Amino acid sequence: MQTKRTVFPNRVLPYLLIAPQLLITIVFFLWPAATAFWQSFLRQDAFGFKTNFVWFQNYRRLFADPLYMDAFGHTLVFAVSVTILSTTIALTLAAAAMRVLRTSRIYSTLLIWPYAVAPAIAGILWWFMFNPSIGIVAYMLRSMGISWNHLINPDNAMVLIVIAATWKQISYNFLFFLAALQSVPRSLQEAGAIDGAGPVKRFWTIVFPLISPTTFYLVVINIVYAMFDTFGIVHATTQGGPARATEILVYKVYFDGFIGLNLGSSAAQSVILMIIVVALTAIQFRFIERRVQY
């Protein structure tokens, strides 16, 4: 059996075809990353008139700053909560969608819509619903005897950004889980049913192992999402408050760089955040992927 291959008559043509993607990668990723890495070794005044090369002083100051270490803890709680909730809820909804017959397309379409909402809009939406003065959810909680005020209660504020970030990501996870569930051969589930396995046992012993590659992929993507793509949600809901209780690492990069005008520290934080995400991804591929059945 011969393998089909594309032969380019001109050796320059393949490079011309990938040139736009390479240009975008260089301009919007490699160049900003290199600039941030270089700035992390500098100390600049707010107006950029004076610059000093300070080696690793920005990094040493960060790890000696209790506010930065607190941001680490907030990020850990936030990322783990969002990843677990968004994947669990999405898998449950995808399994439910597989059982819907006539209205499955309508059901799936309604679940996909939130993915089109911008993070800032999602944050504002949940901020309105949980607003202690005008929010319908806050009113319902008060009627049940639950005091809610994310403006002064740090725990309420963390719950709010976790809910908003989870809701935004469920649609993305749902799409992948639904496609994975649809690819599981029905004959295997029928064989398990003949052997006497109930629906729950069939799911955990037959279906879930077969969709483990998708689950592993979504765990990696959701951690990256929680670490990077949730800035708009935090900024629209709590702005890192109250008392910096919801100031995760990506928001602290913005706060110190654009509000505090400490460019060297902000650049160092962005480099550390990038290293953390790369390290977490590598660890997951190195150890967790062993449990994945392809």
C-alpha atoms as a PDB file:
ATOM      1  CA  MET A   1       0.000   0.000   0.000  1.00  0.00           C
ATOM      2  CA  GLN A   2       1.494   3.298  -1.083  1.00  0.00           C
ATOM      3  CA  THR A   3       1.276   6.351   1.144  1.00  0.00           C
ATOM      4  CA  LYS A   4       0.017   9.501  -0.511  1.00  0.00           C
ATOM      5  CA  ARG A   5       2.520  12.295  -0.368  1.00  0.00           C
ATOM      6  CA  THR A   6       2.395  15.893  -1.502  1.00  0.00           C
ATOM      7  CA  VAL A   7       5.347  16.900  -3.636  1.00  0.00           C
ATOM      8  CA  PHE A   8       6.103  20.610  -3.931  1.00  0.00           C
ATOM      9  CA  PRO A   9       7.822  21.510  -7.177  1.00  0.00           C
ATOM     10  CA  ASN A  10       9.328  24.581  -5.531  1.00  0.00           C
ATOM     11  CA  ARG A  11      11.374  24.181  -2.338  1.00  0.00           C
ATOM     12  CA  VAL A  12      10.473  27.687  -1.219  1.00  0.00           C
ATOM     13  CA  LEU A  13       6.691  27.118  -1.446  1.00  0.00           C
ATOM     14  CA  PRO A  14       6.295  25.092   1.805  1.00  0.00           C
ATOM     15  CA  TYR A  15       8.033  27.838   3.777  1.00  0.00           C
ATOM     16  CA  LEU A  16       5.833  30.477   2.166  1.00  0.00           C
ATOM     17  CA  LEU A  17       2.716  28.529   3.162  1.00  0.00           C
ATOM     18  CA  ILE A  18       3.694  28.364   6.840  1.00  0.00           C
ATOM     19  CA  ALA A  19       5.166  31.882   6.897  1.00  0.00           C
ATOM     20  CA  PRO A  20       1.930  33.577   8.111  1.00  0.00           C
ATOM     21  CA  GLN A  21       1.634  31.188  11.069  1.00  0.00           C
ATOM     22  CA  LEU A  22       5.314  31.565  11.896  1.00  0.00           C
ATOM     23  CA  LEU A  23       4.987  35.343  11.744  1.00  0.00           C
ATOM     24  CA  ILE A  24       1.987  35.313  14.106  1.00  0.00           C
ATOM     25  CA  THR A  25       3.830  33.007  16.515  1.00  0.00           C
ATOM     26  CA  ILE A  26       6.917  35.210  16.531  1.00  0.00           C
ATOM     27  CA  VAL A  27       5.056  38.531  16.855  1.00  0.00           C
ATOM     28  CA  PHE A  28       2.409  37.499  19.401  1.00  0.00           C
ATOM     29  CA  PHE A  29       4.223  34.806  21.426  1.00  0.00           C
ATOM     30  CA  LEU A  30       7.996  34.503  21.049  1.00  0.00           C
ATOM     31  CA  TRP A  31       8.773  38.223  20.952  1.00  0.00           C
ATOM     32  CA  PRO A  32       6.526  39.172  23.932  1.00  0.00           C
ATOM     33  CA  ALA A  33       7.854  36.187  25.914  1.00  0.00           C
ATOM     34  CA  ALA A  34      11.456  37.174  25.206  1.00  0.00           C
ATOM     35  CA  THR A  35      10.705  40.806  26.106  1.00  0.00           C
ATOM     36  CA  ALA A  36       9.092  39.794  29.407  1.00  0.00           C
ATOM     37  CA  PHE A  37      12.037  37.526  30.218  1.00  0.00           C
ATOM     38  CA  TRP A  38      14.495  40.388  29.607  1.00  0.00           C
ATOM     39  CA  GLN A  39      12.409  42.906  31.564  1.00  0.00           C
ATOM     40  CA  SER A  40      12.293  40.550  34.546  1.00  0.00           C
ATOM     41  CA  PHE A  41      15.987  41.340  35.120  1.00  0.00           C
ATOM     42  CA  LEU A  42      15.477  45.097  34.952  1.00  0.00           C
ATOM     43  CA  ARG A  43      14.250  47.802  37.289  1.00  0.00           C
ATOM     44  CA  GLN A  44      12.542  50.730  35.593  1.00  0.00           C
ATOM     45  CA  ASP A  45      10.879  53.859  36.811  1.00  0.00           C
ATOM     46  CA  ALA A  46       7.212  54.419  36.024  1.00  0.00           C
ATOM     47  CA  PHE A  47       7.994  56.516  32.928  1.00  0.00           C
ATOM     48  CA  GLY A  48      10.832  54.419  31.524  1.00  0.00           C
ATOM     49  CA  PHE A  49      13.437  57.163  31.804  1.00  0.00           C
ATOM     50  CA  LYS A  50      15.858  55.095  33.870  1.00  0.00           C
ATOM     51  CA  THR A  51      16.616  51.380  33.684  1.00  0.00           C
ATOM     52  CA  ASN A  52      18.954  49.305  35.832  1.00  0.00           C
ATOM     53  CA  PHE A  53      20.008  45.702  35.357  1.00  0.00           C
ATOM     54  CA  VAL A  54      19.382  44.005  38.726  1.00  0.00           C
ATOM     55  CA  TRP A  55      19.824  40.322  37.863  1.00  0.00           C
ATOM     56  CA  PHE A  56      17.513  38.131  40.011  1.00  0.00           C
ATOM     57  CA  GLN A  57      16.549  40.814  42.503  1.00  0.00           C
ATOM     58  CA  ASN A  58      12.976  41.019  41.162  1.00  0.00           C
ATOM     59  CA  TYR A  59      12.543  37.275  41.693  1.00  0.00           C
ATOM     60  CA  ARG A  60      14.016  37.364  45.206  1.00  0.00           C
ATOM     61  CA  ARG A  61      11.683  40.185  46.195  1.00  0.00           C
ATOM     62  CA  LEU A  62       8.691  38.293  44.863  1.00  0.00           C
ATOM     63  CA  PHE A  63       9.303  35.185  46.930  1.00  0.00           C
ATOM     64  CA  ALA A  64       9.899  37.348  50.002  1.00  0.00           C
ATOM     65  CA  ASP A  65       6.603  39.169  49.462  1.00  0.00           C
ATOM     66  CA  PRO A  66       3.755  37.663  51.532  1.00  0.00           C
ATOM     67  CA  LEU A  67       1.162  39.083  49.131  1.00  0.00           C
ATOM     68  CA  TYR A  68       2.710  37.160  46.243  1.00  0.00           C
ATOM     69  CA  MET A  69       2.775  33.944  48.251  1.00  0.00           C
ATOM     70  CA  ASP A  70      -0.879  34.518  49.143  1.00  0.00           C
ATOM     71  CA  ALA A  71      -1.624  34.823  45.418  1.00  0.00           C
ATOM     72  CA  PHE A  72      -0.073  31.373  44.980  1.00  0.00           C
ATOM     73  CA  GLY A  73      -2.535  29.934  47.486  1.00  0.00           C
ATOM     74  CA  HIS A  74      -5.494  31.702  45.902  1.00  0.00           C
ATOM     75  CA  THR A  75      -4.474  30.419  42.463  1.00  0.00           C
ATOM     76  CA  LEU A  76      -4.132  26.847  43.717  1.00  0.00           C
ATOM     77  CA  VAL A  77      -7.604  26.848  45.290  1.00  0.00           C
ATOM     78  CA  PHE A  78      -9.124  28.550  42.259  1.00  0.00           C
ATOM     79  CA  ALA A  79      -7.487  26.341  39.612  1.00  0.00           C
ATOM     80  CA  VAL A  80      -8.256  23.055  41.380  1.00  0.00           C
ATOM     81  CA  SER A  81     -11.865  24.064  42.068  1.00  0.00           C
ATOM     82  CA  VAL A  82     -12.548  25.228  38.517  1.00  0.00           C
ATOM     83  CA  THR A  83     -10.926  22.157  36.952  1.00  0.00           C
ATOM     84  CA  ILE A  84     -12.793  19.652  39.115  1.00  0.00           C
ATOM     85  CA  LEU A  85     -16.174  21.382  38.884  1.00  0.00           C
ATOM     86  CA  SER A  86     -16.084  22.189  35.160  1.00  0.00           C
ATOM     87  CA  THR A  87     -14.995  18.692  34.086  1.00  0.00           C
ATOM     88  CA  THR A  88     -17.362  16.888  36.474  1.00  0.00           C
ATOM     89  CA  ILE A  89     -20.410  18.947  35.534  1.00  0.00           C
ATOM     90  CA  ALA A  90     -19.597  18.767  31.821  1.00  0.00           C
ATOM     91  CA  LEU A  91     -19.200  14.988  31.941  1.00  0.00           C
ATOM     92  CA  THR A  92     -22.520  14.656  33.775  1.00  0.00           C
ATOM     93  CA  LEU A  93     -24.294  16.842  31.221  1.00  0.00           C
ATOM     94  CA  ALA A  94     -22.697  14.964  28.319  1.00  0.00           C
ATOM     95  CA  ALA A  95     -23.827  11.632  29.767  1.00  0.00           C
ATOM     96  CA  ALA A  96     -27.324  13.067  30.175  1.00  0.00           C
ATOM     97  CA  ALA A  97     -27.284  14.324  26.580  1.00  0.00           C
ATOM     98  CA  MET A  98     -26.539  10.794  25.376  1.00  0.00           C
ATOM     99  CA  ARG A  99     -29.817   9.646  26.930  1.00  0.00           C
ATOM    100  CA  VAL A 100     -31.925  12.411  25.382  1.00  0.00           C
ATOM    101  CA  LEU A 101     -33.593  11.261  22.177  1.00  0.00           C
ATOM    102  CA  ARG A 102     -35.881  13.765  20.433  1.00  0.00           C
ATOM    103  CA  THR A 103     -34.517  16.992  21.902  1.00  0.00           C
ATOM    104  CA  SER A 104     -30.822  16.056  21.969  1.00  0.00           C
ATOM    105  CA  ARG A 105     -29.817  18.727  19.435  1.00  0.00           C
ATOM    106  CA  ILE A 106     -31.704  21.479  21.253  1.00  0.00           C
ATOM    107  CA  TYR A 107     -30.265  20.307  24.571  1.00  0.00           C
ATOM    108  CA  SER A 108     -26.714  20.298  23.201  1.00  0.00           C
ATOM    109  CA  THR A 109     -27.091  23.682  21.502  1.00  0.00           C
ATOM    110  CA  LEU A 110     -28.289  25.351  24.697  1.00  0.00           C
ATOM    111  CA  LEU A 111     -25.304  23.944  26.589  1.00  0.00           C
ATOM    112  CA  ILE A 112     -22.826  25.134  23.950  1.00  0.00           C
ATOM    113  CA  TRP A 113     -24.027  28.753  23.863  1.00  0.00           C
ATOM    114  CA  PRO A 114     -22.192  29.947  27.016  1.00  0.00           C
ATOM    115  CA  TYR A 115     -18.853  29.225  25.324  1.00  0.00           C
ATOM    116  CA  ALA A 116     -19.495  32.140  22.957  1.00  0.00           C
ATOM    117  CA  VAL A 117     -19.753  34.566  25.887  1.00  0.00           C
ATOM    118  CA  ALA A 118     -16.638  36.653  26.533  1.00  0.00           C
ATOM    119  CA  PRO A 119     -14.981  36.144  29.959  1.00  0.00           C
ATOM    120  CA  ALA A 120     -15.649  39.751  31.006  1.00  0.00           C
ATOM    121  CA  ILE A 121     -19.340  39.431  30.052  1.00  0.00           C
ATOM    122  CA  ALA A 122     -19.591  36.178  31.979  1.00  0.00           C
ATOM    123  CA  GLY A 123     -18.078  37.873  35.010  1.00  0.00           C
ATOM    124  CA  ILE A 124     -20.495  40.804  34.826  1.00  0.00           C
ATOM    125  CA  LEU A 125     -23.435  38.425  34.402  1.00  0.00           C
ATOM    126  CA  TRP A 126     -22.635  36.540  37.586  1.00  0.00           C
ATOM    127  CA  TRP A 127     -21.729  39.765  39.387  1.00  0.00           C
ATOM    128  CA  PHE A 128     -25.249  41.069  38.738  1.00  0.00           C
ATOM    129  CA  MET A 129     -26.882  37.848  39.896  1.00  0.00           C
ATOM    130  CA  PHE A 130     -24.833  37.712  43.113  1.00  0.00           C
ATOM    131  CA  ASN A 131     -24.842  41.447  43.786  1.00  0.00           C
ATOM    132  CA  PRO A 132     -25.855  41.855  47.451  1.00  0.00           C
ATOM    133  CA  SER A 133     -28.120  44.819  46.620  1.00  0.00           C
ATOM    134  CA  ILE A 134     -29.857  43.899  43.362  1.00  0.00           C
ATOM    135  CA  GLY A 135     -28.858  40.293  42.622  1.00  0.00           C
ATOM    136  CA  ILE A 136     -31.593  37.674  42.332  1.00  0.00           C
ATOM    137  CA  VAL A 137     -29.324  34.891  43.607  1.00  0.00           C
ATOM    138  CA  ALA A 138     -28.232  36.971  46.597  1.00  0.00           C
ATOM    139  CA  TYR A 139     -31.906  37.674  47.345  1.00  0.00           C
ATOM    140  CA  MET A 140     -32.746  33.960  47.199  1.00  0.00           C
ATOM    141  CA  LEU A 141     -29.820  33.139  49.501  1.00  0.00           C
ATOM    142  CA  ARG A 142     -30.969  35.744  52.019  1.00  0.00           C
ATOM    143  CA  SER A 143     -34.481  34.306  51.921  1.00  0.00           C
ATOM    144  CA  MET A 144     -32.970  30.945  52.902  1.00  0.00           C
ATOM    145  CA  GLY A 145     -31.087  32.531  55.783  1.00  0.00           C
ATOM    146  CA  ILE A 146     -27.697  32.574  54.041  1.00  0.00           C
ATOM    147  CA  SER A 147     -25.791  35.829  54.319  1.00  0.00           C
ATOM    148  CA  TRP A 148     -24.071  36.673  51.042  1.00  0.00           C
ATOM    149  CA  ASN A 149     -21.851  39.668  50.346  1.00  0.00           C
ATOM    150  CA  HIS A 150     -18.841  39.045  48.148  1.00  0.00           C
ATOM    151  CA  LEU A 151     -17.842  42.707  48.521  1.00  0.00           C
ATOM    152  CA  ILE A 152     -16.709  42.162  52.119  1.00  0.00           C
ATOM    153  CA  ASN A 153     -16.575  38.378  52.549  1.00  0.00           C
ATOM    154  CA  PRO A 154     -13.414  36.774  51.055  1.00  0.00           C
ATOM    155  CA  ASP A 155     -14.940  33.276  50.944  1.00  0.00           C
ATOM    156  CA  ASN A 156     -18.015  34.555  49.084  1.00  0.00           C
ATOM    157  CA  ALA A 157     -15.784  36.350  46.592  1.00  0.00           C
ATOM    158  CA  MET A 158     -13.759  33.194  45.875  1.00  0.00           C
ATOM    159  CA  VAL A 159     -16.958  31.183  45.426  1.00  0.00           C
ATOM    160  CA  LEU A 160     -18.229  33.806  42.977  1.00  0.00           C
ATOM    161  CA  ILE A 161     -15.199  33.730  40.667  1.00  0.00           C
ATOM    162  CA  VAL A 162     -15.099  29.923  40.807  1.00  0.00           C
ATOM    163  CA  ILE A 163     -18.764  29.740  39.755  1.00  0.00           C
ATOM    164  CA  ALA A 164     -18.288  32.267  36.954  1.00  0.00           C
ATOM    165  CA  ALA A 165     -15.130  30.604  35.611  1.00  0.00           C
ATOM    166  CA  THR A 166     -16.668  27.130  35.846  1.00  0.00           C
ATOM    167  CA  TRP A 167     -19.835  28.176  34.014  1.00  0.00           C
ATOM    168  CA  LYS A 168     -17.762  29.710  31.225  1.00  0.00           C
ATOM    169  CA  GLN A 169     -15.718  26.518  30.702  1.00  0.00           C
ATOM    170  CA  ILE A 170     -18.440  23.875  30.995  1.00  0.00           C
ATOM    171  CA  SER A 171     -19.514  24.296  27.361  1.00  0.00           C
ATOM    172  CA  TYR A 172     -15.999  23.642  26.044  1.00  0.00           C
ATOM    173  CA  ASN A 173     -15.649  20.499  28.143  1.00  0.00           C
ATOM    174  CA  PHE A 174     -19.153  19.380  27.206  1.00  0.00           C
ATOM    175  CA  LEU A 175     -18.339  19.396  23.481  1.00  0.00           C
ATOM    176  CA  PHE A 176     -15.328  17.126  23.914  1.00  0.00           C
ATOM    177  CA  PHE A 177     -17.016  14.769  26.370  1.00  0.00           C
ATOM    178  CA  LEU A 178     -20.064  14.443  24.132  1.00  0.00           C
ATOM    179  CA  ALA A 179     -17.912  13.584  21.118  1.00  0.00           C
ATOM    180  CA  ALA A 180     -15.929  11.075  23.203  1.00  0.00           C
ATOM    181  CA  LEU A 181     -19.068   9.392  24.544  1.00  0.00           C
ATOM    182  CA  GLN A 182     -20.535   9.125  21.066  1.00  0.00           C
ATOM    183  CA  SER A 183     -17.392   7.312  19.884  1.00  0.00           C
ATOM    184  CA  VAL A 184     -17.700   4.551  22.515  1.00  0.00           C
ATOM    185  CA  PRO A 185     -18.990   1.379  20.802  1.00  0.00           C
ATOM    186  CA  ARG A 186     -22.471   0.538  22.009  1.00  0.00           C
ATOM    187  CA  SER A 187     -21.690  -3.175  21.657  1.00  0.00           C
ATOM    188  CA  LEU A 188     -19.265  -2.980  24.597  1.00  0.00           C
ATOM    189  CA  GLN A 189     -21.924  -1.472  26.843  1.00  0.00           C
ATOM    190  CA  GLU A 190     -24.453  -4.063  25.718  1.00  0.00           C
ATOM    191  CA  ALA A 191     -21.958  -6.814  26.520  1.00  0.00           C
ATOM    192  CA  GLY A 192     -21.506  -5.365  30.010  1.00  0.00           C
ATOM    193  CA  ALA A 193     -25.272  -5.256  30.473  1.00  0.00           C
ATOM    194  CA  ILE A 194     -25.546  -8.906  29.430  1.00  0.00           C
ATOM    195  CA  ASP A 195     -22.908  -9.758  32.038  1.00  0.00           C
ATOM    196  CA  GLY A 196     -25.098  -8.122  34.685  1.00  0.00           C
ATOM    197  CA  ALA A 197     -23.306  -4.804  35.135  1.00  0.00           C
ATOM    198  CA  GLY A 198     -25.559  -1.888  36.058  1.00  0.00           C
ATOM    199  CA  PRO A 199     -25.473   1.542  34.366  1.00  0.00           C
ATOM    200  CA  VAL A 200     -23.086   3.040  36.943  1.00  0.00           C
ATOM    201  CA  LYS A 201     -20.693   0.086  36.829  1.00  0.00           C
ATOM    202  CA  ARG A 202     -20.761   0.032  33.023  1.00  0.00           C
ATOM    203  CA  PHE A 203     -19.877   3.719  32.947  1.00  0.00           C
ATOM    204  CA  TRP A 204     -16.877   3.461  35.303  1.00  0.00           C
ATOM    205  CA  THR A 205     -15.519   0.147  34.023  1.00  0.00           C
ATOM    206  CA  ILE A 206     -16.192   0.466  30.290  1.00  0.00           C
ATOM    207  CA  VAL A 207     -17.057   4.001  29.202  1.00  0.00           C
ATOM    208  CA  PHE A 208     -14.804   6.106  31.423  1.00  0.00           C
ATOM    209  CA  PRO A 209     -11.582   4.197  30.627  1.00  0.00           C
ATOM    210  CA  LEU A 210     -12.322   4.580  26.914  1.00  0.00           C
ATOM    211  CA  ILE A 211     -12.743   8.358  27.229  1.00  0.00           C
ATOM    212  CA  SER A 212      -9.697   8.767  29.498  1.00  0.00           C
ATOM    213  CA  PRO A 213      -7.610  10.415  26.713  1.00  0.00           C
ATOM    214  CA  THR A 214     -10.272  13.117  26.386  1.00  0.00           C
ATOM    215  CA  THR A 215     -10.475  13.496  30.159  1.00  0.00           C
ATOM    216  CA  PHE A 216      -6.710  13.864  30.428  1.00  0.00           C
ATOM    217  CA  TYR A 217      -6.662  16.460  27.647  1.00  0.00           C
ATOM    218  CA  LEU A 218      -9.431  18.478  29.301  1.00  0.00           C
ATOM    219  CA  VAL A 219      -7.718  18.409  32.700  1.00  0.00           C
ATOM    220  CA  VAL A 220      -4.601  19.948  31.117  1.00  0.00           C
ATOM    221  CA  ILE A 221      -6.628  22.531  29.188  1.00  0.00           C
ATOM    222  CA  ASN A 222      -8.717  23.497  32.213  1.00  0.00           C
ATOM    223  CA  ILE A 223      -5.676  24.076  34.397  1.00  0.00           C
ATOM    224  CA  VAL A 224      -4.160  26.310  31.730  1.00  0.00           C
ATOM    225  CA  TYR A 225      -7.513  28.080  31.389  1.00  0.00           C
ATOM    226  CA  ALA A 226      -7.773  28.713  35.129  1.00  0.00           C
ATOM    227  CA  MET A 227      -4.216  30.029  35.282  1.00  0.00           C
ATOM    228  CA  PHE A 228      -4.329  32.316  32.225  1.00  0.00           C
ATOM    229  CA  ASP A 229      -7.748  32.922  30.678  1.00  0.00           C
ATOM    230  CA  THR A 230      -9.699  33.929  33.762  1.00  0.00           C
ATOM    231  CA  PHE A 231      -8.317  37.457  34.095  1.00  0.00           C
ATOM    232  CA  GLY A 232     -11.428  39.004  32.540  1.00  0.00           C
ATOM    233  CA  ILE A 233     -13.703  37.136  34.946  1.00  0.00           C
ATOM    234  CA  VAL A 234     -11.776  38.203  38.044  1.00  0.00           C
ATOM    235  CA  HIS A 235     -11.483  41.789  36.840  1.00  0.00           C
ATOM    236  CA  ALA A 236     -15.209  42.061  36.104  1.00  0.00           C
ATOM    237  CA  THR A 237     -16.415  40.465  39.345  1.00  0.00           C
ATOM    238  CA  THR A 238     -14.089  41.188  42.270  1.00  0.00           C
ATOM    239  CA  GLN A 239     -11.010  42.984  40.877  1.00  0.00           C
ATOM    240  CA  GLY A 240      -8.935  40.837  43.202  1.00  0.00           C
ATOM    241  CA  GLY A 241     -10.817  41.888  46.333  1.00  0.00           C
ATOM    242  CA  PRO A 242     -11.889  42.056  48.995  1.00  0.00           C
ATOM    243  CA  ALA A 243      -8.490  42.643  50.605  1.00  0.00           C
ATOM    244  CA  ARG A 244      -6.845  40.805  47.672  1.00  0.00           C
ATOM    245  CA  ALA A 245      -8.599  37.574  48.647  1.00  0.00           C
ATOM    246  CA  THR A 246      -9.247  36.692  44.984  1.00  0.00           C
ATOM    247  CA  GLU A 247      -6.020  38.063  43.540  1.00  0.00           C
ATOM    248  CA  ILE A 248      -4.759  35.097  41.541  1.00  0.00           C
ATOM    249  CA  LEU A 249      -1.365  35.124  39.833  1.00  0.00           C
ATOM    250  CA  VAL A 250      -2.533  36.327  36.427  1.00  0.00           C
ATOM    251  CA  TYR A 251      -4.423  39.217  37.991  1.00  0.00           C
ATOM    252  CA  LYS A 252      -1.452  40.191  40.169  1.00  0.00           C
ATOM    253  CA  VAL A 253       0.669  40.468  37.012  1.00  0.00           C
ATOM    254  CA  TYR A 254      -1.786  43.060  35.723  1.00  0.00           C
ATOM    255  CA  PHE A 255      -2.183  44.842  39.062  1.00  0.00           C
ATOM    256  CA  ASP A 256       1.536  45.270  39.716  1.00  0.00           C
ATOM    257  CA  GLY A 257       2.384  46.108  36.111  1.00  0.00           C
ATOM    258  CA  PHE A 258      -0.448  48.401  35.024  1.00  0.00           C
ATOM    259  CA  ILE A 259      -1.695  49.770  38.348  1.00  0.00           C
ATOM    260  CA  GLY A 260       1.481  49.719  40.422  1.00  0.00           C
ATOM    261  CA  LEU A 261       3.721  50.455  37.375  1.00  0.00           C
ATOM    262  CA  ASN A 262       6.316  47.995  38.676  1.00  0.00           C
ATOM    263  CA  LEU A 263       7.267  46.621  35.284  1.00  0.00           C
ATOM    264  CA  GLY A 264      10.225  44.521  36.409  1.00  0.00           C
ATOM    265  CA  SER A 265       8.231  42.714  39.081  1.00  0.00           C
ATOM    266  CA  SER A 266       5.291  42.217  36.733  1.00  0.00           C
ATOM    267  CA  ALA A 267       7.570  40.739  34.062  1.00  0.00           C
ATOM    268  CA  ALA A 268       9.140  38.403  36.623  1.00  0.00           C
ATOM    269  CA  GLN A 269       5.676  37.270  37.701  1.00  0.00           C
ATOM    270  CA  SER A 270       4.675  36.523  34.109  1.00  0.00           C
ATOM    271  CA  VAL A 271       7.826  34.441  33.615  1.00  0.00           C
ATOM    272  CA  ILE A 272       7.153  32.494  36.817  1.00  0.00           C
ATOM    273  CA  LEU A 273       3.530  31.930  35.792  1.00  0.00           C
ATOM    274  CA  MET A 274       4.627  30.624  32.394  1.00  0.00           C
ATOM    275  CA  ILE A 275       7.155  28.277  34.040  1.00  0.00           C
ATOM    276  CA  ILE A 276       4.501  26.989  36.451  1.00  0.00           C
ATOM    277  CA  VAL A 277       2.054  26.182  33.658  1.00  0.00           C
ATOM    278  CA  VAL A 278       4.739  24.493  31.539  1.00  0.00           C
ATOM    279  CA  ALA A 279       5.924  22.489  34.559  1.00  0.00           C
ATOM    280  CA  LEU A 280       2.388  21.398  35.488  1.00  0.00           C
ATOM    281  CA  THR A 281       1.704  20.329  31.912  1.00  0.00           C
ATOM    282  CA  ALA A 282       4.980  18.375  31.764  1.00  0.00           C
ATOM    283  CA  ILE A 283       4.244  16.652  35.083  1.00  0.00           C
ATOM    284  CA  GLN A 284       0.781  15.658  33.907  1.00  0.00           C
ATOM    285  CA  PHE A 285       2.142  14.199  30.674  1.00  0.00           C
ATOM    286  CA  ARG A 286       4.964  12.463  32.555  1.00  0.00           C
ATOM    287  CA  PHE A 287       3.004  10.814  35.365  1.00  0.00           C
ATOM    288  CA  ILE A 288      -0.768  11.102  34.895  1.00  0.00           C
ATOM    289  CA  GLU A 289      -0.696  10.053  31.233  1.00  0.00           C
ATOM    290  CA  ARG A 290       0.497   6.595  32.325  1.00  0.00           C
ATOM    291  CA  ARG A 291      -3.043   5.943  33.573  1.00  0.00           C
ATOM    292  CA  VAL A 292      -4.556   6.968  30.263  1.00  0.00           C
ATOM    293  CA  GLN A 293      -5.670   4.120  28.002  1.00  0.00           C
ATOM    294  CA  TYR A 294      -5.324   4.941  24.313  1.00  0.00           C
END
